[in-house]
Each structure stands twice: as structure tokens, then as C-alpha cells.
């Protein structure tokens, strides 16, 4: 299989504080990969390296065989927190259209192909009825679907999501991951999450990151591994309804 993302001996520090140390890591085309680890374990930093927003202090990062900054238009990205004010006067359609602004495009009027791509992205996420709604009127789950549509509208080859279901209920979380499972039929997907048990039902492999990185198949995830990763004792809690 083709490797679409590769990190070789990558290290990164903020000042004197090491965040990533000697990371060797690759993602195959068509994978659905989960990335888990404690806060400050380096997850967001690794995403920034893959997106080309920062450069490694040692080692190399390649995306689709090139430097990450050269492949940004091939990556759809859903951030952990929206980068705009929720009360900004913009409709869902206008928000998704922003995903069509890529490298080499001149500012100006959107064309018919742009609007068609927006309708296709919204339809794929069953959100066509939200197109003319202001983003301020969306629920948390609806907003996440719209941010996902914005990432898809440029027809990327890789989709990266940073905790896409934080602060939304489990029913909506399942709905979003069901959509991601369908999208994985044509996209390589990386998703950062704290919920290792939940994502294990969807992803094919889990990358455990806490400064250093180790990958596991989902059937290798157990309480001992989670305790080693997070550095805290693990207790099971039974929920009876």
C-alpha cells in the first residue's frame, strides 16, 4: 500500500520543553487511524507538523511524497474548536464555501462548481436543509457536521480531525463517526480523540502518543496499555440503565 504520511525521527520542543521525541510513524492510503494520548502529550503538535504549520527541529515529515506545506490543499482539516465567532453573520452555505479557498485561487465570486461542491458536501452529511441557516442557530452536533462539510468541499485525499466530538453527546458522536466510516471508503482519515474505547469500534489502528509514539491494532488495546499511556490507574465503571 502507498504511504501518504511519513514522519522519520521527528522531534519538536517549545523552548526547552520537549513535546515529541524521535517519532517514526507512517499512515497508509485508506487507513482510518485513531490518535490518543494525555493532554500535552503532543497530539496537536503532531497535527501541526503534518499540516505544515510548523517544522520539525529534527527529522523529516512528508505528505503524499512532498513537504506538508506543498500539500495543504490535499488535506481537509476539522479543528478542535471553530476558528470563528459563533455569532458571526454568516450562513452555513457561506461557511462551507470557505473551504473552496485554496492555494492558487483568486478572491472573487464563487462559480457554479463551487456551489455544486457545497451542495454535494452537505448532502453527503445529510445537512442540505441547514444551508441557509445562520451558524449562530446551529447546535453543537450540527456545527461539527458543517465543519466536516467545509473540510470535504475541496475534495481532499486526507481528512484530519482534532477531537471532532468533544462536548457533544454520544448519540451525535456515533452519528458523526458513522459518516466518517463511509467517508473512509474514499479518504485516508486521522482522528484525535480521548475516547479510546469508543473509537476502537471504528478505526483500524491506534497511535498512542505521549512524547513518543507506539501504534497498535485495536484488538491489542487493554487496560494495562491505557494505564501505561496515561500514567494513572484505570478502573472499570459499570453503567446499568
C-alpha atoms as a PDB file:
ATOM      1  CA  UNK A   1       0.000   0.000   0.000  1.00  0.00           C
ATOM      2  CA  UNK A   2       1.069   3.614  -0.536  1.00  0.00           C
ATOM      3  CA  UNK A   3       2.274   5.637   2.441  1.00  0.00           C
ATOM      4  CA  UNK A   4       0.503   9.004   2.352  1.00  0.00           C
ATOM      5  CA  UNK A   5       2.060  10.428   5.550  1.00  0.00           C
ATOM      6  CA  UNK A   6       5.559   9.703   6.858  1.00  0.00           C
ATOM      7  CA  UNK A   7       7.457  11.014   9.883  1.00  0.00           C
ATOM      8  CA  UNK A   8      11.089   9.938  10.294  1.00  0.00           C
ATOM      9  CA  UNK A   9      12.949  10.565  13.582  1.00  0.00           C
ATOM     10  CA  UNK A  10      10.879  13.693  14.254  1.00  0.00           C
ATOM     11  CA  UNK A  11      11.479  15.710  17.417  1.00  0.00           C
ATOM     12  CA  UNK A  12       9.982  19.045  18.442  1.00  0.00           C
ATOM     13  CA  UNK A  13      10.273  21.273  21.520  1.00  0.00           C
ATOM     14  CA  UNK A  14       8.687  24.502  22.654  1.00  0.00           C
ATOM     15  CA  UNK A  15      11.722  26.271  24.068  1.00  0.00           C
ATOM     16  CA  UNK A  16      13.369  23.819  26.444  1.00  0.00           C
ATOM     17  CA  UNK A  17      10.234  21.698  26.825  1.00  0.00           C
ATOM     18  CA  UNK A  18      10.348  18.550  24.637  1.00  0.00           C
ATOM     19  CA  UNK A  19       6.956  17.665  23.150  1.00  0.00           C
ATOM     20  CA  UNK A  20       7.806  14.993  20.573  1.00  0.00           C
ATOM     21  CA  UNK A  21      10.858  12.771  20.693  1.00  0.00           C
ATOM     22  CA  UNK A  22      12.164  10.579  17.867  1.00  0.00           C
ATOM     23  CA  UNK A  23       8.811   9.883  16.220  1.00  0.00           C
ATOM     24  CA  UNK A  24       8.817   7.279  13.439  1.00  0.00           C
ATOM     25  CA  UNK A  25       5.349   6.944  12.005  1.00  0.00           C
ATOM     26  CA  UNK A  26       3.570   6.352   8.725  1.00  0.00           C
ATOM     27  CA  UNK A  27      -0.033   6.223   7.518  1.00  0.00           C
ATOM     28  CA  UNK A  28      -1.121   4.010   4.644  1.00  0.00           C
ATOM     29  CA  UNK A  29      -3.543   5.117   1.971  1.00  0.00           C
ATOM     30  CA  UNK A  30      -7.115   4.282   3.003  1.00  0.00           C
ATOM     31  CA  UNK A  31      -6.386   3.895   6.716  1.00  0.00           C
ATOM     32  CA  UNK A  32      -8.713   5.069   9.463  1.00  0.00           C
ATOM     33  CA  UNK A  33      -6.239   5.884  12.234  1.00  0.00           C
ATOM     34  CA  UNK A  34      -7.015   6.987  15.775  1.00  0.00           C
ATOM     35  CA  UNK A  35      -4.532   9.112  17.742  1.00  0.00           C
ATOM     36  CA  UNK A  36      -4.870   9.045  21.527  1.00  0.00           C
ATOM     37  CA  UNK A  37      -2.886  10.287  24.491  1.00  0.00           C
ATOM     38  CA  UNK A  38      -2.955  12.575  27.534  1.00  0.00           C
ATOM     39  CA  UNK A  39      -3.190  16.357  27.420  1.00  0.00           C
ATOM     40  CA  UNK A  40       0.168  17.918  26.492  1.00  0.00           C
ATOM     41  CA  UNK A  41       1.235  14.561  25.064  1.00  0.00           C
ATOM     42  CA  UNK A  42       1.992  16.095  21.646  1.00  0.00           C
ATOM     43  CA  UNK A  43      -1.148  15.245  19.637  1.00  0.00           C
ATOM     44  CA  UNK A  44      -1.911  18.769  18.397  1.00  0.00           C
ATOM     45  CA  UNK A  45       1.780  19.412  17.733  1.00  0.00           C
ATOM     46  CA  UNK A  46       1.978  16.335  15.529  1.00  0.00           C
ATOM     47  CA  UNK A  47      -1.069  17.500  13.573  1.00  0.00           C
ATOM     48  CA  UNK A  48       0.553  20.911  13.043  1.00  0.00           C
ATOM     49  CA  UNK A  49       3.648  19.194  11.669  1.00  0.00           C
ATOM     50  CA  UNK A  50       1.549  17.139   9.245  1.00  0.00           C
ATOM     51  CA  UNK A  51      -0.387  20.250   8.182  1.00  0.00           C
ATOM     52  CA  UNK A  52       2.866  22.150   7.583  1.00  0.00           C
ATOM     53  CA  UNK A  53       2.050  24.845  10.154  1.00  0.00           C
ATOM     54  CA  UNK A  54       5.337  24.197  11.978  1.00  0.00           C
ATOM     55  CA  UNK A  55       8.552  22.417  11.003  1.00  0.00           C
ATOM     56  CA  UNK A  56      10.329  19.647  12.929  1.00  0.00           C
ATOM     57  CA  UNK A  57      13.563  20.601  14.678  1.00  0.00           C
ATOM     58  CA  UNK A  58      14.987  17.213  13.728  1.00  0.00           C
ATOM     59  CA  UNK A  59      13.765  14.607  11.267  1.00  0.00           C
ATOM     60  CA  UNK A  60      11.503  14.844   8.228  1.00  0.00           C
ATOM     61  CA  UNK A  61       7.768  14.951   7.516  1.00  0.00           C
ATOM     62  CA  UNK A  62       6.267  14.162   4.116  1.00  0.00           C
ATOM     63  CA  UNK A  63       2.669  14.181   2.926  1.00  0.00           C
ATOM     64  CA  UNK A  64       1.881  12.411  -0.345  1.00  0.00           C
ATOM     65  CA  UNK A  65       5.611  12.350  -1.040  1.00  0.00           C
ATOM     66  CA  UNK A  66       6.188  16.108  -0.647  1.00  0.00           C
ATOM     67  CA  UNK A  67       6.713  18.679   2.094  1.00  0.00           C
ATOM     68  CA  UNK A  68       3.487  19.269   4.050  1.00  0.00           C
ATOM     69  CA  UNK A  69       3.239  22.947   3.034  1.00  0.00           C
ATOM     70  CA  UNK A  70       3.046  21.852  -0.615  1.00  0.00           C
ATOM     71  CA  UNK A  71       0.116  19.518   0.025  1.00  0.00           C
ATOM     72  CA  UNK A  72      -2.219  21.600   2.167  1.00  0.00           C
ATOM     73  CA  UNK A  73      -4.930  21.575  -0.493  1.00  0.00           C
ATOM     74  CA  UNK A  74      -4.916  17.764  -0.327  1.00  0.00           C
ATOM     75  CA  UNK A  75      -5.816  17.755   3.387  1.00  0.00           C
ATOM     76  CA  UNK A  76      -9.223  18.501   4.858  1.00  0.00           C
ATOM     77  CA  UNK A  77      -8.903  19.648   8.472  1.00  0.00           C
ATOM     78  CA  UNK A  78     -11.528  19.873  11.205  1.00  0.00           C
ATOM     79  CA  UNK A  79     -10.128  21.765  14.228  1.00  0.00           C
ATOM     80  CA  UNK A  80     -10.979  21.031  17.831  1.00  0.00           C
ATOM     81  CA  UNK A  81     -12.523  24.475  18.270  1.00  0.00           C
ATOM     82  CA  UNK A  82     -14.078  26.601  15.499  1.00  0.00           C
ATOM     83  CA  UNK A  83     -11.810  29.458  14.449  1.00  0.00           C
ATOM     84  CA  UNK A  84     -14.654  31.952  14.177  1.00  0.00           C
ATOM     85  CA  UNK A  85     -17.187  33.602  16.461  1.00  0.00           C
ATOM     86  CA  UNK A  86     -20.455  31.672  16.623  1.00  0.00           C
ATOM     87  CA  UNK A  87     -22.418  34.927  16.292  1.00  0.00           C
ATOM     88  CA  UNK A  88     -20.644  35.927  13.063  1.00  0.00           C
ATOM     89  CA  UNK A  89     -23.359  36.815  10.488  1.00  0.00           C
ATOM     90  CA  UNK A  90     -22.747  34.024   8.000  1.00  0.00           C
ATOM     91  CA  UNK A  91     -24.906  31.176   6.708  1.00  0.00           C
ATOM     92  CA  UNK A  92     -23.999  27.511   6.624  1.00  0.00           C
ATOM     93  CA  UNK A  93     -23.600  27.661   2.838  1.00  0.00           C
ATOM     94  CA  UNK A  94     -21.210  30.605   3.125  1.00  0.00           C
ATOM     95  CA  UNK A  95     -19.213  28.863   5.862  1.00  0.00           C
ATOM     96  CA  UNK A  96     -18.790  25.699   3.778  1.00  0.00           C
ATOM     97  CA  UNK A  97     -17.836  27.789   0.712  1.00  0.00           C
ATOM     98  CA  UNK A  98     -14.770  28.990   2.628  1.00  0.00           C
ATOM     99  CA  UNK A  99     -13.363  25.507   2.166  1.00  0.00           C
ATOM    100  CA  UNK A 100     -13.095  26.220  -1.575  1.00  0.00           C
ATOM    101  CA  UNK A 101     -10.499  28.939  -0.971  1.00  0.00           C
ATOM    102  CA  UNK A 102      -7.292  27.069  -1.667  1.00  0.00           C
ATOM    103  CA  UNK A 103      -3.813  27.721  -2.981  1.00  0.00           C
ATOM    104  CA  UNK A 104      -3.807  29.462  -6.344  1.00  0.00           C
ATOM    105  CA  UNK A 105      -7.423  30.603  -6.210  1.00  0.00           C
ATOM    106  CA  UNK A 106      -8.064  34.296  -6.704  1.00  0.00           C
ATOM    107  CA  UNK A 107     -10.503  36.114  -4.458  1.00  0.00           C
ATOM    108  CA  UNK A 108     -13.738  36.990  -6.218  1.00  0.00           C
ATOM    109  CA  UNK A 109     -17.105  35.482  -6.931  1.00  0.00           C
ATOM    110  CA  UNK A 110     -17.669  31.804  -6.396  1.00  0.00           C
ATOM    111  CA  UNK A 111     -18.654  29.903  -9.513  1.00  0.00           C
ATOM    112  CA  UNK A 112     -21.266  27.238 -10.215  1.00  0.00           C
ATOM    113  CA  UNK A 113     -18.773  24.440  -9.496  1.00  0.00           C
ATOM    114  CA  UNK A 114     -18.141  25.867  -6.007  1.00  0.00           C
ATOM    115  CA  UNK A 115     -21.850  25.925  -5.144  1.00  0.00           C
ATOM    116  CA  UNK A 116     -22.319  22.420  -6.555  1.00  0.00           C
ATOM    117  CA  UNK A 117     -19.448  21.159  -4.382  1.00  0.00           C
ATOM    118  CA  UNK A 118     -21.075  22.730  -1.306  1.00  0.00           C
ATOM    119  CA  UNK A 119     -24.393  21.029  -2.048  1.00  0.00           C
ATOM    120  CA  UNK A 120     -22.641  17.699  -2.540  1.00  0.00           C
ATOM    121  CA  UNK A 121     -20.717  18.007   0.742  1.00  0.00           C
ATOM    122  CA  UNK A 122     -23.863  18.953   2.674  1.00  0.00           C
ATOM    123  CA  UNK A 123     -25.813  16.107   1.058  1.00  0.00           C
ATOM    124  CA  UNK A 124     -23.122  13.612   1.994  1.00  0.00           C
ATOM    125  CA  UNK A 125     -23.562  14.643   5.627  1.00  0.00           C
ATOM    126  CA  UNK A 126     -27.361  14.858   5.404  1.00  0.00           C
ATOM    127  CA  UNK A 127     -27.287  18.584   6.136  1.00  0.00           C
ATOM    128  CA  UNK A 128     -28.800  20.129   2.972  1.00  0.00           C
ATOM    129  CA  UNK A 129     -31.687  21.585   4.991  1.00  0.00           C
ATOM    130  CA  UNK A 130     -29.218  23.693   7.006  1.00  0.00           C
ATOM    131  CA  UNK A 131     -27.733  25.537   4.003  1.00  0.00           C
ATOM    132  CA  UNK A 132     -29.439  28.891   4.586  1.00  0.00           C
ATOM    133  CA  UNK A 133     -29.452  28.743   8.373  1.00  0.00           C
ATOM    134  CA  UNK A 134     -27.123  31.144  10.241  1.00  0.00           C
ATOM    135  CA  UNK A 135     -24.297  29.324  12.007  1.00  0.00           C
ATOM    136  CA  UNK A 136     -25.360  31.001  15.259  1.00  0.00           C
ATOM    137  CA  UNK A 137     -28.528  28.882  15.166  1.00  0.00           C
ATOM    138  CA  UNK A 138     -26.731  25.537  14.980  1.00  0.00           C
ATOM    139  CA  UNK A 139     -26.423  23.003  17.759  1.00  0.00           C
ATOM    140  CA  UNK A 140     -23.006  21.626  18.656  1.00  0.00           C
ATOM    141  CA  UNK A 141     -23.582  18.453  16.647  1.00  0.00           C
ATOM    142  CA  UNK A 142     -24.853  20.389  13.615  1.00  0.00           C
ATOM    143  CA  UNK A 143     -21.847  22.698  13.715  1.00  0.00           C
ATOM    144  CA  UNK A 144     -19.471  19.729  13.704  1.00  0.00           C
ATOM    145  CA  UNK A 145     -21.167  18.346  10.606  1.00  0.00           C
ATOM    146  CA  UNK A 146     -20.824  21.746   8.905  1.00  0.00           C
ATOM    147  CA  UNK A 147     -17.123  21.966   9.794  1.00  0.00           C
ATOM    148  CA  UNK A 148     -16.724  18.484   8.354  1.00  0.00           C
ATOM    149  CA  UNK A 149     -18.514  19.592   5.164  1.00  0.00           C
ATOM    150  CA  UNK A 150     -16.160  22.587   4.940  1.00  0.00           C
ATOM    151  CA  UNK A 151     -13.199  20.193   5.125  1.00  0.00           C
ATOM    152  CA  UNK A 152     -14.664  17.931   2.427  1.00  0.00           C
ATOM    153  CA  UNK A 153     -15.707  20.585  -0.076  1.00  0.00           C
ATOM    154  CA  UNK A 154     -12.209  20.921  -1.558  1.00  0.00           C
ATOM    155  CA  UNK A 155     -12.167  17.171  -2.393  1.00  0.00           C
ATOM    156  CA  UNK A 156      -9.084  16.296  -0.278  1.00  0.00           C
ATOM    157  CA  UNK A 157      -7.269  12.964  -0.227  1.00  0.00           C
ATOM    158  CA  UNK A 158      -6.650  13.044   3.547  1.00  0.00           C
ATOM    159  CA  UNK A 159      -9.037  14.067   6.328  1.00  0.00           C
ATOM    160  CA  UNK A 160      -7.674  15.095   9.752  1.00  0.00           C
ATOM    161  CA  UNK A 161      -9.955  15.731  12.726  1.00  0.00           C
ATOM    162  CA  UNK A 162      -8.838  17.038  16.117  1.00  0.00           C
ATOM    163  CA  UNK A 163     -11.322  15.746  18.715  1.00  0.00           C
ATOM    164  CA  UNK A 164     -14.346  16.281  16.460  1.00  0.00           C
ATOM    165  CA  UNK A 165     -16.865  15.079  19.027  1.00  0.00           C
ATOM    166  CA  UNK A 166     -15.655  16.934  22.126  1.00  0.00           C
ATOM    167  CA  UNK A 167     -18.552  18.262  24.217  1.00  0.00           C
ATOM    168  CA  UNK A 168     -21.335  16.575  22.242  1.00  0.00           C
ATOM    169  CA  UNK A 169     -23.481  13.664  23.381  1.00  0.00           C
ATOM    170  CA  UNK A 170     -22.820  10.033  22.496  1.00  0.00           C
ATOM    171  CA  UNK A 171     -25.724   9.742  20.044  1.00  0.00           C
ATOM    172  CA  UNK A 172     -24.342  12.592  17.938  1.00  0.00           C
ATOM    173  CA  UNK A 173     -20.819  11.210  18.345  1.00  0.00           C
ATOM    174  CA  UNK A 174     -21.956   7.878  16.896  1.00  0.00           C
ATOM    175  CA  UNK A 175     -23.690   9.658  14.017  1.00  0.00           C
ATOM    176  CA  UNK A 176     -20.534  11.599  13.100  1.00  0.00           C
ATOM    177  CA  UNK A 177     -18.333   8.508  13.274  1.00  0.00           C
ATOM    178  CA  UNK A 178     -20.806   6.583  11.126  1.00  0.00           C
ATOM    179  CA  UNK A 179     -20.364   9.314   8.489  1.00  0.00           C
ATOM    180  CA  UNK A 180     -16.591   9.053   8.885  1.00  0.00           C
ATOM    181  CA  UNK A 181     -16.777   5.292   8.331  1.00  0.00           C
ATOM    182  CA  UNK A 182     -18.500   5.929   4.999  1.00  0.00           C
ATOM    183  CA  UNK A 183     -16.000   8.640   4.051  1.00  0.00           C
ATOM    184  CA  UNK A 184     -13.158   6.239   4.805  1.00  0.00           C
ATOM    185  CA  UNK A 185     -14.180   4.264   1.715  1.00  0.00           C
ATOM    186  CA  UNK A 186     -12.531   7.024  -0.350  1.00  0.00           C
ATOM    187  CA  UNK A 187     -10.402   9.011   2.130  1.00  0.00           C
ATOM    188  CA  UNK A 188      -7.499   8.382   4.477  1.00  0.00           C
ATOM    189  CA  UNK A 189      -8.642   9.576   7.911  1.00  0.00           C
ATOM    190  CA  UNK A 190      -6.752  10.555  11.073  1.00  0.00           C
ATOM    191  CA  UNK A 191      -8.787  11.399  14.144  1.00  0.00           C
ATOM    192  CA  UNK A 192      -7.545  12.612  17.529  1.00  0.00           C
ATOM    193  CA  UNK A 193      -9.700  11.521  20.450  1.00  0.00           C
ATOM    194  CA  UNK A 194      -9.612  10.990  24.199  1.00  0.00           C
ATOM    195  CA  UNK A 195     -12.227   8.240  23.975  1.00  0.00           C
ATOM    196  CA  UNK A 196     -10.048   5.259  23.093  1.00  0.00           C
ATOM    197  CA  UNK A 197     -12.784   2.705  23.803  1.00  0.00           C
ATOM    198  CA  UNK A 198     -15.299   4.423  21.514  1.00  0.00           C
ATOM    199  CA  UNK A 199     -13.017   4.995  18.519  1.00  0.00           C
ATOM    200  CA  UNK A 200     -11.726   1.419  18.695  1.00  0.00           C
ATOM    201  CA  UNK A 201     -15.026   0.327  17.137  1.00  0.00           C
ATOM    202  CA  UNK A 202     -14.275   2.438  14.060  1.00  0.00           C
ATOM    203  CA  UNK A 203     -10.537   2.782  13.486  1.00  0.00           C
ATOM    204  CA  UNK A 204      -8.222   0.108  12.110  1.00  0.00           C
ATOM    205  CA  UNK A 205      -5.190   1.162  14.162  1.00  0.00           C
ATOM    206  CA  UNK A 206      -4.490   3.332  17.207  1.00  0.00           C
ATOM    207  CA  UNK A 207      -1.414   5.564  17.594  1.00  0.00           C
ATOM    208  CA  UNK A 208      -0.665   6.092  21.305  1.00  0.00           C
ATOM    209  CA  UNK A 209       1.222   9.355  21.733  1.00  0.00           C
ATOM    210  CA  UNK A 210       2.854  10.705  24.876  1.00  0.00           C
ATOM    211  CA  UNK A 211       6.057  12.377  23.625  1.00  0.00           C
ATOM    212  CA  UNK A 212       6.960   9.087  21.959  1.00  0.00           C
ATOM    213  CA  UNK A 213       4.593   7.127  19.751  1.00  0.00           C
ATOM    214  CA  UNK A 214       3.616   3.475  19.502  1.00  0.00           C
ATOM    215  CA  UNK A 215       0.957   2.082  17.141  1.00  0.00           C
ATOM    216  CA  UNK A 216      -1.338  -0.825  17.971  1.00  0.00           C
ATOM    217  CA  UNK A 217      -4.095  -2.697  16.245  1.00  0.00           C
ATOM    218  CA  UNK A 218      -7.409  -2.140  18.002  1.00  0.00           C
ATOM    219  CA  UNK A 219      -7.553  -5.687  19.396  1.00  0.00           C
ATOM    220  CA  UNK A 220      -4.322  -5.011  21.319  1.00  0.00           C
ATOM    221  CA  UNK A 221      -5.869  -2.171  23.372  1.00  0.00           C
ATOM    222  CA  UNK A 222      -6.368  -3.165  27.013  1.00  0.00           C
ATOM    223  CA  UNK A 223      -6.370  -1.638  30.484  1.00  0.00           C
ATOM    224  CA  UNK A 224      -2.633  -2.174  31.016  1.00  0.00           C
ATOM    225  CA  UNK A 225      -1.814  -0.293  27.809  1.00  0.00           C
ATOM    226  CA  UNK A 226      -4.131   2.597  28.685  1.00  0.00           C
ATOM    227  CA  UNK A 227      -2.637   2.846  32.185  1.00  0.00           C
ATOM    228  CA  UNK A 228       0.872   2.935  30.704  1.00  0.00           C
ATOM    229  CA  UNK A 229      -0.136   5.642  28.213  1.00  0.00           C
ATOM    230  CA  UNK A 230      -1.920   7.954  30.660  1.00  0.00           C
ATOM    231  CA  UNK A 231       0.185   7.157  33.709  1.00  0.00           C
ATOM    232  CA  UNK A 232      -2.818   6.699  36.003  1.00  0.00           C
ATOM    233  CA  UNK A 233      -4.555   3.643  37.459  1.00  0.00           C
ATOM    234  CA  UNK A 234      -7.567   2.509  35.400  1.00  0.00           C
ATOM    235  CA  UNK A 235     -10.843   1.464  36.989  1.00  0.00           C
ATOM    236  CA  UNK A 236     -13.857  -0.020  35.250  1.00  0.00           C
ATOM    237  CA  UNK A 237     -17.248   1.609  35.875  1.00  0.00           C
ATOM    238  CA  UNK A 238     -20.424  -0.349  35.178  1.00  0.00           C
ATOM    239  CA  UNK A 239     -23.384   1.680  33.913  1.00  0.00           C
ATOM    240  CA  UNK A 240     -26.750  -0.016  34.391  1.00  0.00           C
ATOM    241  CA  UNK A 241     -29.872   1.660  32.928  1.00  0.00           C
END
